[in-house]
Amino acid sequence: MIAILDCEMGNLQSVFHGIDSMGYDCEILKSNELSDENTHLVIPGVGNYHQVMSSENITDIKKSIHDFANTGKPILGICLGMQLLSDWGEEGGGIDGLGLIGGNVDRMFEDRATRLPHVGWNSVDFLNDHPLFSGLKNNLDFYFVHSYQFIPKNNNSIFASTNHGQDFTSIVAERNIIGVQFHPEKSQSNGLKMLENFCAWDGKC
C-alpha cells in the first residue's frame, strides 16, 4: 500500500489518481496514520516551505517520516515535497527542513530574461542511473512550477539537472530517498512511468 502524506498542502488527489492509474493501491494519510502496511511514502507538495515546517504538529510529522526512512522503504518527495527533504529553506523567512538529504533551498536566479516562478515543460538531464529512470529516455520534458531550488550539500546527491536561466538540481537522491522538483503526476506518460517505477522500487540502488 502506497502512502501519500497529507500535510494539509499539496496536490494529493492528482498524485493519488496518478498512482492509482498505474494499478497500485494507495491511500492519503496523516503522518500518525502510517503503518507497517505502507510499503512506500510519497510527500507531495504545492505550497510554502515555511508554512509546512512551522505547523503545530511538525515535530510528530518529522519523527514519523524519519522512522519510515529508517526502515529502508522508498520515499519520494514531489516539488515542495522534494524541497522539504533538505536541512533548511529560505522561503517565508528561513526555517529548518526534514533533514533527510543535506542541503538548503534558496530562491532561484531571476532577471529580465528569466522570470519566476519557473512554470511549464522543461527537459530533465539524468546525471546518474536510478531505478526511477528505468524505461525513460534522457532529456525528456516534465512539468515544473516553482521559484526555489534545492542546493545539495553533496554533489553526489544530484541525480538530474534542468536549466532555467541557470542549471538547477531537478532530482536529488540518497539511499532510499529521492526527490523530484517537477510534477510527475502532471507530466503525462513520462511522469506516470516514473511514478510506476517508484511504486515498483524496493528502496535499493
Protein backbone atom coordinates (compact mmCIF):
# COMPACT_ATOMS: atom_id res chain seq x y z
CA MET A 1 0.00 0.00 0.00
CA ILE A 2 1.48 3.33 -1.14
CA ALA A 3 1.05 6.14 1.42
CA ILE A 4 0.55 9.73 0.23
CA LEU A 5 1.32 12.08 3.08
CA ASP A 6 -1.28 14.73 3.90
CA CYS A 7 0.43 17.81 5.34
CA GLU A 8 -2.69 19.87 4.53
CA MET A 9 -0.93 21.24 1.44
CA GLY A 10 -0.25 19.67 -1.92
CA ASN A 11 -1.72 18.02 -4.97
CA LEU A 12 -2.98 14.99 -3.07
CA GLN A 13 -5.73 13.91 -5.44
CA SER A 14 -3.58 14.31 -8.56
CA VAL A 15 -0.86 12.13 -7.05
CA PHE A 16 -3.47 9.63 -5.84
CA HIS A 17 -5.04 9.33 -9.30
CA GLY A 18 -1.62 9.08 -10.96
CA ILE A 19 -0.55 6.16 -8.78
CA ASP A 20 -3.99 4.53 -8.93
CA SER A 21 -3.95 4.68 -12.75
CA MET A 22 -0.75 2.61 -12.69
CA GLY A 23 -2.63 -0.17 -10.90
CA TYR A 24 -1.13 0.33 -7.42
CA ASP A 25 -3.11 0.58 -4.19
CA CYS A 26 -2.62 3.91 -2.46
CA GLU A 27 -4.13 5.94 0.36
CA ILE A 28 -3.90 9.51 1.65
CA LEU A 29 -2.78 9.52 5.28
CA LYS A 30 -1.76 11.84 8.09
CA SER A 31 1.73 11.15 9.43
CA ASN A 32 0.37 9.49 12.58
CA GLU A 33 -1.60 7.03 10.43
CA LEU A 34 1.44 5.47 8.74
CA SER A 35 1.72 1.77 9.48
CA ASP A 36 3.77 -1.33 8.64
CA GLU A 37 1.34 -1.97 5.79
CA ASN A 38 2.67 1.06 3.93
CA THR A 39 5.48 -0.01 1.61
CA HIS A 40 6.23 3.42 0.08
CA LEU A 41 5.77 7.05 1.10
CA VAL A 42 5.07 10.00 -1.19
CA ILE A 43 5.49 13.56 0.12
CA PRO A 44 3.65 15.75 -2.41
CA GLY A 45 3.82 19.49 -2.38
CA VAL A 46 2.23 22.64 -3.65
CA GLY A 47 2.67 25.47 -1.19
CA ASN A 48 5.03 27.24 1.17
CA TYR A 49 8.10 25.67 2.82
CA HIS A 50 7.84 27.77 5.98
CA GLN A 51 4.12 27.13 6.39
CA VAL A 52 4.57 23.36 6.34
CA MET A 53 7.63 23.28 8.59
CA SER A 54 6.09 25.65 11.14
CA SER A 55 2.85 23.70 11.58
CA GLU A 56 1.96 22.94 15.19
CA ASN A 57 2.45 19.18 14.80
CA ILE A 58 5.68 19.32 12.76
CA THR A 59 7.69 17.52 15.48
CA ASP A 60 5.42 14.47 15.18
CA ILE A 61 5.43 14.70 11.37
CA LYS A 62 9.24 14.76 11.26
CA LYS A 63 9.50 11.80 13.61
CA SER A 64 7.04 9.73 11.57
CA ILE A 65 8.87 10.48 8.32
CA HIS A 66 12.30 9.74 9.82
CA ASP A 67 11.01 6.49 11.33
CA PHE A 68 9.70 5.50 7.90
CA ALA A 69 13.01 6.45 6.23
CA ASN A 70 14.94 4.35 8.73
CA THR A 71 13.06 1.22 7.64
CA GLY A 72 14.72 1.48 4.22
CA LYS A 73 11.37 1.75 2.46
CA PRO A 74 11.26 4.17 -0.51
CA ILE A 75 10.33 7.83 -0.06
CA LEU A 76 9.51 10.20 -2.92
CA GLY A 77 9.31 13.98 -2.48
CA ILE A 78 7.50 15.92 -5.23
CA CYS A 79 8.11 19.65 -5.86
CA LEU A 80 7.76 21.26 -2.41
CA GLY A 81 7.98 17.71 -1.05
CA MET A 82 11.46 17.44 -2.56
CA GLN A 83 12.49 20.76 -1.05
CA LEU A 84 11.26 19.72 2.42
CA LEU A 85 13.81 16.87 2.37
CA SER A 86 16.55 19.48 2.86
CA ASP A 87 18.15 20.83 6.03
CA TRP A 88 16.87 24.40 5.65
CA GLY A 89 14.64 26.51 3.40
CA GLU A 90 14.72 30.25 2.70
CA GLU A 91 11.08 30.63 1.66
CA GLY A 92 8.94 32.50 4.18
CA GLY A 93 11.84 33.77 6.26
CA GLY A 94 14.00 30.69 6.74
CA ILE A 95 13.29 27.53 8.72
CA ASP A 96 14.70 24.03 9.28
CA GLY A 97 13.50 21.25 6.97
CA LEU A 98 13.19 17.50 7.43
CA GLY A 99 16.96 16.99 7.23
CA LEU A 100 16.81 13.78 5.20
CA ILE A 101 19.16 14.94 2.42
CA GLY A 102 21.82 17.53 3.23
CA GLY A 103 21.39 20.92 1.60
CA ASN A 104 19.50 24.20 1.54
CA VAL A 105 16.60 25.54 -0.52
CA ASP A 106 17.16 29.05 -1.90
CA ARG A 107 15.33 31.32 -4.33
CA MET A 108 16.28 30.73 -7.94
CA PHE A 109 18.13 33.12 -10.24
CA GLU A 110 15.90 35.77 -11.85
CA ASP A 111 16.49 38.60 -14.33
CA ARG A 112 14.60 40.27 -17.19
CA ALA A 113 15.02 37.22 -19.40
CA THR A 114 14.46 34.60 -16.71
CA ARG A 115 11.24 35.08 -14.79
CA LEU A 116 9.94 33.35 -11.70
CA PRO A 117 8.08 31.23 -10.99
CA HIS A 118 9.53 28.68 -13.38
CA VAL A 119 6.32 27.30 -14.88
CA GLY A 120 5.85 24.83 -17.71
CA TRP A 121 7.58 21.99 -19.51
CA ASN A 122 11.37 21.67 -19.35
CA SER A 123 13.88 18.91 -20.03
CA VAL A 124 15.47 16.84 -17.28
CA ASP A 125 19.05 15.66 -17.77
CA PHE A 126 19.71 12.43 -15.86
CA LEU A 127 23.25 12.54 -14.44
CA ASN A 128 23.31 9.19 -12.62
CA ASP A 129 21.44 5.92 -13.01
CA HIS A 130 18.49 5.28 -10.71
CA PRO A 131 15.63 2.73 -10.68
CA LEU A 132 13.14 5.60 -11.17
CA PHE A 133 14.63 6.27 -14.61
CA SER A 134 14.09 2.74 -15.91
CA GLY A 135 12.49 2.76 -19.37
CA LEU A 136 12.79 6.55 -19.70
CA LYS A 137 14.98 8.31 -22.25
CA ASN A 138 17.23 11.11 -21.08
CA ASN A 139 16.33 14.78 -21.58
CA LEU A 140 12.58 14.19 -21.64
CA ASP A 141 10.25 17.05 -20.67
CA PHE A 142 8.47 17.21 -17.32
CA TYR A 143 6.14 19.85 -15.85
CA PHE A 144 7.55 22.38 -13.36
CA VAL A 145 6.01 25.04 -11.07
CA HIS A 146 8.47 26.58 -8.56
CA SER A 147 10.59 29.59 -7.60
CA TYR A 148 13.03 27.90 -5.20
CA GLN A 149 15.76 25.33 -5.79
CA PHE A 150 17.36 22.57 -3.73
CA ILE A 151 21.14 23.09 -3.44
CA PRO A 152 22.55 19.79 -2.12
CA LYS A 153 25.45 19.70 0.31
CA ASN A 154 26.91 16.71 -1.54
CA ASN A 155 27.19 16.81 -5.34
CA ASN A 156 26.81 13.02 -5.38
CA SER A 157 23.20 13.61 -4.31
CA ILE A 158 22.43 15.34 -7.62
CA PHE A 159 20.80 12.83 -10.00
CA ALA A 160 19.42 15.26 -12.59
CA SER A 161 19.62 18.91 -13.61
CA THR A 162 17.47 21.32 -15.60
CA ASN A 163 18.17 24.79 -16.98
CA HIS A 164 16.08 27.87 -16.30
CA GLY A 165 18.45 30.77 -16.76
CA GLN A 166 20.99 28.65 -14.90
CA ASP A 167 21.28 24.94 -14.19
CA PHE A 168 19.49 23.76 -11.04
CA THR A 169 19.04 20.39 -9.37
CA SER A 170 15.82 18.79 -10.59
CA ILE A 171 16.30 15.36 -8.94
CA VAL A 172 18.10 14.68 -5.67
CA ALA A 173 18.58 11.26 -4.09
CA GLU A 174 20.32 9.42 -1.27
CA ARG A 175 19.79 5.85 -0.11
CA ASN A 176 16.05 5.02 -0.20
CA ILE A 177 15.01 8.68 -0.59
CA ILE A 178 14.51 10.60 -3.83
CA GLY A 179 13.02 14.00 -4.64
CA VAL A 180 11.90 15.44 -7.97
CA GLN A 181 11.38 19.18 -8.47
CA PHE A 182 8.81 18.66 -11.23
CA HIS A 183 5.33 17.15 -11.01
CA PRO A 184 5.33 13.60 -12.41
CA GLU A 185 1.57 13.37 -11.85
CA LYS A 186 1.14 16.29 -14.30
CA SER A 187 3.79 15.13 -16.78
CA GLN A 188 1.66 12.76 -18.87
CA SER A 189 3.13 9.38 -19.87
CA ASN A 190 6.72 10.19 -18.84
CA GLY A 191 5.67 11.23 -15.37
CA LEU A 192 3.33 8.30 -14.90
CA LYS A 193 6.12 5.93 -15.90
CA MET A 194 8.31 7.48 -13.21
CA LEU A 195 5.55 7.04 -10.62
CA GLU A 196 5.19 3.43 -11.71
CA ASN A 197 8.94 2.92 -11.32
CA PHE A 198 8.79 4.39 -7.82
CA CYS A 199 5.96 2.08 -6.79
CA ALA A 200 7.98 -0.91 -8.05
CA TRP A 201 11.22 0.22 -6.36
CA ASP A 202 12.45 -1.63 -3.28
CA GLY A 203 14.46 1.34 -1.98
CA LYS A 204 17.82 -0.07 -3.04
CA CYS A 205 20.11 1.32 -5.74
